[in-house]
Amino acid sequence: MLHRFLVGLVDAKRILEIGDARENVVKLSNITVDVAFLDVDKMSYKYHHDAILERSMLNKSGLFIADDTAFTSVTT
């Protein structure tokens, strides 16, 4: 299954990464963003959420958006 990960609005630039989300988190871990949009397989949301926050990729006043989190398969 292909995982998708998108990060946007870095110094007035948009960055879109489509591919394996785990690889993209590592690849982009040297940047910080104002908005992070996460759309991955539902069982991996916690891993990716934590990975983004642990690497300080999201600015302190940034917006984290996670798609399709109203399902019971998304756990905290």
C-alpha atoms as a PDB file:
ATOM      1  CA  MET A   1       0.000   0.000   0.000  1.00  0.00           C
ATOM      2  CA  LEU A   2       1.292   3.442  -0.898  1.00  0.00           C
ATOM      3  CA  HIS A   3       1.324   5.873   2.004  1.00  0.00           C
ATOM      4  CA  ARG A   4       0.921   9.549   1.257  1.00  0.00           C
ATOM      5  CA  PHE A   5       2.367  12.484   3.134  1.00  0.00           C
ATOM      6  CA  LEU A   6       2.057  16.151   2.324  1.00  0.00           C
ATOM      7  CA  VAL A   7       3.710  19.139   3.948  1.00  0.00           C
ATOM      8  CA  GLY A   8       3.008  22.695   2.911  1.00  0.00           C
ATOM      9  CA  LEU A   9       3.821  26.355   3.398  1.00  0.00           C
ATOM     10  CA  VAL A  10       7.544  26.558   4.144  1.00  0.00           C
ATOM     11  CA  ASP A  11       8.808  30.118   3.810  1.00  0.00           C
ATOM     12  CA  ALA A  12       5.960  30.911   1.412  1.00  0.00           C
ATOM     13  CA  LYS A  13       6.731  27.768  -0.600  1.00  0.00           C
ATOM     14  CA  ARG A  14       4.614  24.679  -0.962  1.00  0.00           C
ATOM     15  CA  ILE A  15       6.169  21.277  -0.617  1.00  0.00           C
ATOM     16  CA  LEU A  16       4.257  18.232  -1.752  1.00  0.00           C
ATOM     17  CA  GLU A  17       5.687  14.797  -1.162  1.00  0.00           C
ATOM     18  CA  ILE A  18       3.829  11.752  -2.414  1.00  0.00           C
ATOM     19  CA  GLY A  19       5.233   8.342  -1.679  1.00  0.00           C
ATOM     20  CA  ASP A  20       6.197   6.313   1.357  1.00  0.00           C
ATOM     21  CA  ALA A  21       5.329   8.446   4.385  1.00  0.00           C
ATOM     22  CA  ARG A  22       8.045   6.963   6.619  1.00  0.00           C
ATOM     23  CA  GLU A  23      10.707   7.810   4.032  1.00  0.00           C
ATOM     24  CA  ASN A  24       9.274  11.296   3.511  1.00  0.00           C
ATOM     25  CA  VAL A  25       9.303  12.113   7.233  1.00  0.00           C
ATOM     26  CA  VAL A  26      12.998  11.252   7.360  1.00  0.00           C
ATOM     27  CA  LYS A  27      13.724  13.066   4.088  1.00  0.00           C
ATOM     28  CA  LEU A  28      11.960  16.251   5.237  1.00  0.00           C
ATOM     29  CA  SER A  29      13.004  16.161   8.897  1.00  0.00           C
ATOM     30  CA  ASN A  30      15.382  19.111   8.462  1.00  0.00           C
ATOM     31  CA  ILE A  31      12.554  21.579   7.735  1.00  0.00           C
ATOM     32  CA  THR A  32       9.761  23.133   9.750  1.00  0.00           C
ATOM     33  CA  VAL A  33       6.344  23.894   8.323  1.00  0.00           C
ATOM     34  CA  ASP A  34       3.303  25.956   9.205  1.00  0.00           C
ATOM     35  CA  VAL A  35       0.821  23.339   7.976  1.00  0.00           C
ATOM     36  CA  ALA A  36       1.177  19.559   7.913  1.00  0.00           C
ATOM     37  CA  PHE A  37      -1.450  17.412   6.188  1.00  0.00           C
ATOM     38  CA  LEU A  38      -1.347  13.702   6.915  1.00  0.00           C
ATOM     39  CA  ASP A  39      -3.173  11.095   4.832  1.00  0.00           C
ATOM     40  CA  VAL A  40      -1.799   7.617   5.534  1.00  0.00           C
ATOM     41  CA  ASP A  41      -3.188   4.186   6.266  1.00  0.00           C
ATOM     42  CA  LYS A  42      -5.328   4.514   9.362  1.00  0.00           C
ATOM     43  CA  MET A  43      -3.290   2.195  11.583  1.00  0.00           C
ATOM     44  CA  SER A  44      -0.174   4.364  11.079  1.00  0.00           C
ATOM     45  CA  TYR A  45      -1.570   7.760  12.070  1.00  0.00           C
ATOM     46  CA  LYS A  46      -0.108   7.737  15.594  1.00  0.00           C
ATOM     47  CA  TYR A  47       3.358   6.792  14.337  1.00  0.00           C
ATOM     48  CA  HIS A  48       3.420   9.579  11.747  1.00  0.00           C
ATOM     49  CA  HIS A  49       1.863  12.170  14.054  1.00  0.00           C
ATOM     50  CA  ASP A  50       4.453  11.425  16.734  1.00  0.00           C
ATOM     51  CA  ALA A  51       7.323  11.334  14.217  1.00  0.00           C
ATOM     52  CA  ILE A  52       6.452  14.807  12.913  1.00  0.00           C
ATOM     53  CA  LEU A  53       6.166  16.276  16.400  1.00  0.00           C
ATOM     54  CA  GLU A  54       9.273  14.523  17.789  1.00  0.00           C
ATOM     55  CA  ARG A  55      11.358  15.901  14.917  1.00  0.00           C
ATOM     56  CA  SER A  56       9.934  19.412  15.545  1.00  0.00           C
ATOM     57  CA  MET A  57       8.828  19.596  11.918  1.00  0.00           C
ATOM     58  CA  LEU A  58       5.702  21.608  12.748  1.00  0.00           C
ATOM     59  CA  ASN A  59       6.069  25.194  13.948  1.00  0.00           C
ATOM     60  CA  LYS A  60       4.774  25.775  17.479  1.00  0.00           C
ATOM     61  CA  SER A  61       1.811  27.742  16.139  1.00  0.00           C
ATOM     62  CA  GLY A  62       1.386  25.416  13.146  1.00  0.00           C
ATOM     63  CA  LEU A  63      -1.687  23.537  12.001  1.00  0.00           C
ATOM     64  CA  PHE A  64      -1.735  19.733  11.892  1.00  0.00           C
ATOM     65  CA  ILE A  65      -4.455  18.240   9.674  1.00  0.00           C
ATOM     66  CA  ALA A  66      -5.103  14.499   9.645  1.00  0.00           C
ATOM     67  CA  ASP A  67      -7.488  13.121   7.022  1.00  0.00           C
ATOM     68  CA  ASP A  68     -10.117  10.456   7.788  1.00  0.00           C
ATOM     69  CA  THR A  69      -9.617  10.339  11.567  1.00  0.00           C
ATOM     70  CA  ALA A  70     -13.288   9.766  12.425  1.00  0.00           C
ATOM     71  CA  PHE A  71     -12.933   6.019  11.964  1.00  0.00           C
ATOM     72  CA  THR A  72     -12.534   3.529  14.802  1.00  0.00           C
ATOM     73  CA  SER A  73      -9.334   2.130  13.302  1.00  0.00           C
ATOM     74  CA  VAL A  74      -7.504   5.371  14.190  1.00  0.00           C
ATOM     75  CA  THR A  75      -6.166   4.983  17.705  1.00  0.00           C
ATOM     76  CA  THR A  76      -4.434   7.389  20.050  1.00  0.00           C
END
